[in-house]
């Protein structure tokens, strides 16, 4: 069995290994790569071998939450 692959980025700039991703507009924001160390520690404690060390946290960016991209889809709510 092969590890899942991320889609090929549309630009020459590689995507960060740890990122916040807006499911509304597609914005990607790099976050602290030290989260990889946390994930590696959790994997080690559980006897898990990580083959594709990528962390994506999906949600809604500030611009979309503020309405810059139009109304949010039903059920998104605002914090």
N, C-alpha and C. Protein backbone atom coordinates (compact mmCIF):
# COMPACT_ATOMS: atom_id res chain seq x y z
N UNK A 1 0.85 -1.18 0.00
CA UNK A 1 0.00 0.00 0.00
C UNK A 1 0.90 1.23 0.00
N UNK A 2 0.54 2.22 -0.80
CA UNK A 2 1.32 3.45 -0.91
C UNK A 2 0.68 4.55 -0.09
N UNK A 3 1.50 5.48 0.47
CA UNK A 3 0.92 6.60 1.23
C UNK A 3 0.14 7.52 0.31
N UNK A 4 -0.88 8.20 0.83
CA UNK A 4 -1.64 9.14 0.00
C UNK A 4 -0.74 10.28 -0.46
N UNK A 5 -1.07 10.82 -1.62
CA UNK A 5 -0.30 11.94 -2.16
C UNK A 5 -1.15 13.19 -2.17
N UNK A 6 -0.48 14.30 -1.92
CA UNK A 6 -1.15 15.60 -2.06
C UNK A 6 -1.21 15.91 -3.54
N UNK A 7 -2.22 16.68 -3.98
CA UNK A 7 -2.24 17.10 -5.38
C UNK A 7 -1.00 17.91 -5.71
N UNK A 8 -0.60 17.88 -6.95
CA UNK A 8 0.57 18.65 -7.39
C UNK A 8 0.23 20.12 -7.31
N UNK A 9 1.07 20.93 -6.63
CA UNK A 9 0.78 22.36 -6.53
C UNK A 9 0.75 23.01 -7.91
N UNK A 10 -0.11 24.02 -8.06
CA UNK A 10 -0.24 24.68 -9.35
C UNK A 10 0.88 25.68 -9.61
N UNK A 11 1.65 26.02 -8.57
CA UNK A 11 2.75 26.96 -8.75
C UNK A 11 4.06 26.25 -8.46
N UNK A 12 5.16 26.94 -8.74
CA UNK A 12 6.48 26.36 -8.50
C UNK A 12 6.85 26.41 -7.03
N UNK A 13 6.13 27.17 -6.22
CA UNK A 13 6.41 27.28 -4.80
C UNK A 13 5.85 26.07 -4.07
N UNK A 14 6.70 25.33 -3.35
CA UNK A 14 6.19 24.16 -2.63
C UNK A 14 5.27 24.56 -1.50
N UNK A 15 4.29 23.72 -1.21
CA UNK A 15 3.38 23.99 -0.10
C UNK A 15 4.09 23.70 1.21
N UNK A 16 3.76 24.45 2.27
CA UNK A 16 4.39 24.19 3.56
C UNK A 16 3.95 22.83 4.10
N UNK A 17 4.80 22.21 4.93
CA UNK A 17 4.45 20.91 5.48
C UNK A 17 3.40 21.02 6.59
N UNK A 18 3.30 22.18 7.22
CA UNK A 18 2.29 22.45 8.25
C UNK A 18 1.55 23.71 7.84
N UNK A 19 0.23 23.63 7.69
CA UNK A 19 -0.49 24.79 7.18
C UNK A 19 -1.95 24.83 7.61
N UNK A 20 -2.49 26.05 7.64
CA UNK A 20 -3.92 26.30 7.77
C UNK A 20 -4.45 26.43 6.34
N UNK A 21 -5.59 25.81 6.04
CA UNK A 21 -6.14 25.85 4.69
C UNK A 21 -7.59 26.29 4.76
N UNK A 22 -7.92 27.37 4.03
CA UNK A 22 -9.31 27.85 3.99
C UNK A 22 -10.09 27.01 2.98
N UNK A 23 -11.15 26.38 3.43
CA UNK A 23 -11.96 25.55 2.55
C UNK A 23 -12.88 26.39 1.67
N UNK A 24 -12.94 27.68 1.95
CA UNK A 24 -13.79 28.58 1.16
C UNK A 24 -13.05 29.15 -0.04
N UNK A 25 -11.89 29.77 0.21
CA UNK A 25 -11.17 30.46 -0.87
C UNK A 25 -9.87 29.75 -1.26
N UNK A 26 -9.45 28.76 -0.46
CA UNK A 26 -8.24 28.03 -0.79
C UNK A 26 -6.95 28.63 -0.25
N UNK A 27 -7.05 29.70 0.54
CA UNK A 27 -5.84 30.32 1.11
C UNK A 27 -5.08 29.29 1.94
N UNK A 28 -3.75 29.33 1.83
CA UNK A 28 -2.87 28.44 2.59
C UNK A 28 -1.91 29.31 3.38
N UNK A 29 -1.85 29.10 4.70
CA UNK A 29 -0.98 29.87 5.57
C UNK A 29 -0.07 28.89 6.31
N UNK A 30 1.24 29.06 6.14
CA UNK A 30 2.20 28.21 6.84
C UNK A 30 2.12 28.46 8.35
N UNK A 31 2.21 27.38 9.11
CA UNK A 31 2.22 27.51 10.57
C UNK A 31 3.49 26.86 11.12
N UNK A 32 3.70 26.97 12.40
CA UNK A 32 4.91 26.52 13.08
C UNK A 32 5.29 25.08 12.72
N UNK A 33 6.44 24.89 12.08
CA UNK A 33 6.86 23.53 11.71
C UNK A 33 7.18 22.67 12.92
N UNK A 34 7.27 23.24 14.11
CA UNK A 34 7.50 22.43 15.31
C UNK A 34 6.34 21.48 15.57
N UNK A 35 5.20 21.72 14.92
CA UNK A 35 4.08 20.79 15.06
C UNK A 35 4.45 19.42 14.50
N UNK A 36 5.38 19.39 13.53
CA UNK A 36 5.85 18.11 13.01
C UNK A 36 6.53 17.31 14.11
N UNK A 37 7.30 17.98 14.98
CA UNK A 37 7.95 17.29 16.09
C UNK A 37 6.91 16.70 17.04
N UNK A 38 5.85 17.44 17.29
CA UNK A 38 4.77 16.95 18.15
C UNK A 38 4.13 15.71 17.52
N UNK A 39 3.86 15.77 16.22
CA UNK A 39 3.27 14.64 15.52
C UNK A 39 4.20 13.43 15.54
N UNK A 40 5.50 13.67 15.34
CA UNK A 40 6.48 12.58 15.35
C UNK A 40 6.53 11.93 16.73
N UNK A 41 6.44 12.73 17.77
CA UNK A 41 6.43 12.20 19.13
C UNK A 41 5.20 11.33 19.37
N UNK A 42 4.04 11.81 18.94
CA UNK A 42 2.80 11.05 19.09
C UNK A 42 2.88 9.74 18.31
N UNK A 43 3.44 9.79 17.10
CA UNK A 43 3.58 8.59 16.29
C UNK A 43 4.50 7.59 16.98
N UNK A 44 5.61 8.06 17.50
CA UNK A 44 6.57 7.19 18.18
C UNK A 44 5.95 6.52 19.40
N UNK A 45 5.22 7.29 20.20
CA UNK A 45 4.58 6.73 21.40
C UNK A 45 3.58 5.64 21.05
N UNK A 46 3.02 5.71 19.86
CA UNK A 46 1.99 4.74 19.46
C UNK A 46 2.49 3.71 18.47
N UNK A 47 3.81 3.66 18.24
CA UNK A 47 4.38 2.68 17.33
C UNK A 47 3.96 2.87 15.88
N UNK A 48 3.74 4.11 15.50
CA UNK A 48 3.24 4.44 14.16
C UNK A 48 4.38 4.99 13.32
N UNK A 49 4.54 4.48 12.10
CA UNK A 49 5.56 4.99 11.19
C UNK A 49 4.93 5.98 10.22
N UNK A 50 5.33 7.23 10.31
CA UNK A 50 4.80 8.28 9.44
C UNK A 50 5.57 8.27 8.13
N UNK A 51 4.85 8.22 7.01
CA UNK A 51 5.49 8.20 5.70
C UNK A 51 5.24 9.47 4.89
N UNK A 52 4.25 10.22 5.27
CA UNK A 52 3.95 11.48 4.56
C UNK A 52 3.69 12.55 5.62
N UNK A 53 4.77 13.18 6.14
CA UNK A 53 4.61 14.13 7.25
C UNK A 53 4.05 15.48 6.82
N UNK A 54 2.74 15.54 6.65
CA UNK A 54 2.06 16.78 6.29
C UNK A 54 0.91 16.99 7.27
N UNK A 55 0.76 18.22 7.72
CA UNK A 55 -0.31 18.55 8.64
C UNK A 55 -1.12 19.69 8.04
N UNK A 56 -2.40 19.48 7.84
CA UNK A 56 -3.30 20.49 7.30
C UNK A 56 -4.46 20.67 8.28
N UNK A 57 -4.71 21.90 8.67
CA UNK A 57 -5.85 22.24 9.51
C UNK A 57 -6.81 23.03 8.64
N UNK A 58 -7.99 22.47 8.39
CA UNK A 58 -8.95 23.08 7.48
C UNK A 58 -9.98 23.90 8.24
N UNK A 59 -10.34 25.03 7.67
CA UNK A 59 -11.32 25.91 8.29
C UNK A 59 -11.62 27.09 7.38
N UNK A 60 -11.93 28.22 7.98
CA UNK A 60 -12.34 29.41 7.23
C UNK A 60 -11.45 30.59 7.63
N UNK A 61 -10.79 31.21 6.66
CA UNK A 61 -9.85 32.31 6.93
C UNK A 61 -10.60 33.57 7.39
N UNK A 62 -9.83 34.52 7.90
CA UNK A 62 -10.40 35.77 8.42
C UNK A 62 -11.16 36.54 7.35
N UNK A 63 -10.62 36.61 6.13
CA UNK A 63 -11.28 37.36 5.06
C UNK A 63 -12.63 36.74 4.72
N UNK A 64 -12.69 35.43 4.64
CA UNK A 64 -13.96 34.76 4.33
C UNK A 64 -14.95 34.91 5.48
N UNK A 65 -14.45 34.81 6.71
CA UNK A 65 -15.32 34.98 7.87
C UNK A 65 -15.87 36.39 7.96
N UNK A 66 -15.11 37.37 7.47
CA UNK A 66 -15.55 38.77 7.49
C UNK A 66 -16.50 39.08 6.35
N UNK A 67 -16.68 38.13 5.44
CA UNK A 67 -17.61 38.33 4.34
C UNK A 67 -16.99 38.86 3.08
N UNK A 68 -15.66 38.95 3.02
CA UNK A 68 -15.00 39.47 1.82
C UNK A 68 -15.26 38.61 0.60
N UNK A 69 -15.56 37.35 0.81
CA UNK A 69 -15.81 36.44 -0.31
C UNK A 69 -17.30 36.15 -0.45
N UNK A 70 -18.14 37.01 0.13
CA UNK A 70 -19.58 36.78 0.07
C UNK A 70 -20.04 36.02 1.30
N UNK A 71 -21.33 35.71 1.35
CA UNK A 71 -21.85 35.04 2.54
C UNK A 71 -21.27 33.63 2.69
N UNK A 72 -21.10 33.22 3.96
CA UNK A 72 -20.60 31.88 4.23
C UNK A 72 -21.67 30.85 3.91
N UNK A 73 -21.26 29.64 3.58
CA UNK A 73 -22.23 28.57 3.35
C UNK A 73 -23.05 28.32 4.61
N UNK A 74 -24.25 27.85 4.43
CA UNK A 74 -25.14 27.55 5.55
C UNK A 74 -24.46 26.58 6.52
N UNK A 75 -24.58 26.86 7.80
CA UNK A 75 -24.02 25.99 8.82
C UNK A 75 -22.63 26.35 9.27
N UNK A 76 -21.99 27.35 8.64
CA UNK A 76 -20.62 27.71 9.03
C UNK A 76 -20.59 28.52 10.30
N UNK A 77 -21.55 29.38 10.52
CA UNK A 77 -21.58 30.20 11.73
C UNK A 77 -20.34 31.04 11.91
N UNK A 78 -20.37 31.94 12.83
CA UNK A 78 -19.22 32.81 13.12
C UNK A 78 -18.89 32.69 14.59
N UNK A 79 -17.60 32.63 14.87
CA UNK A 79 -17.16 32.51 16.27
C UNK A 79 -17.08 33.87 16.92
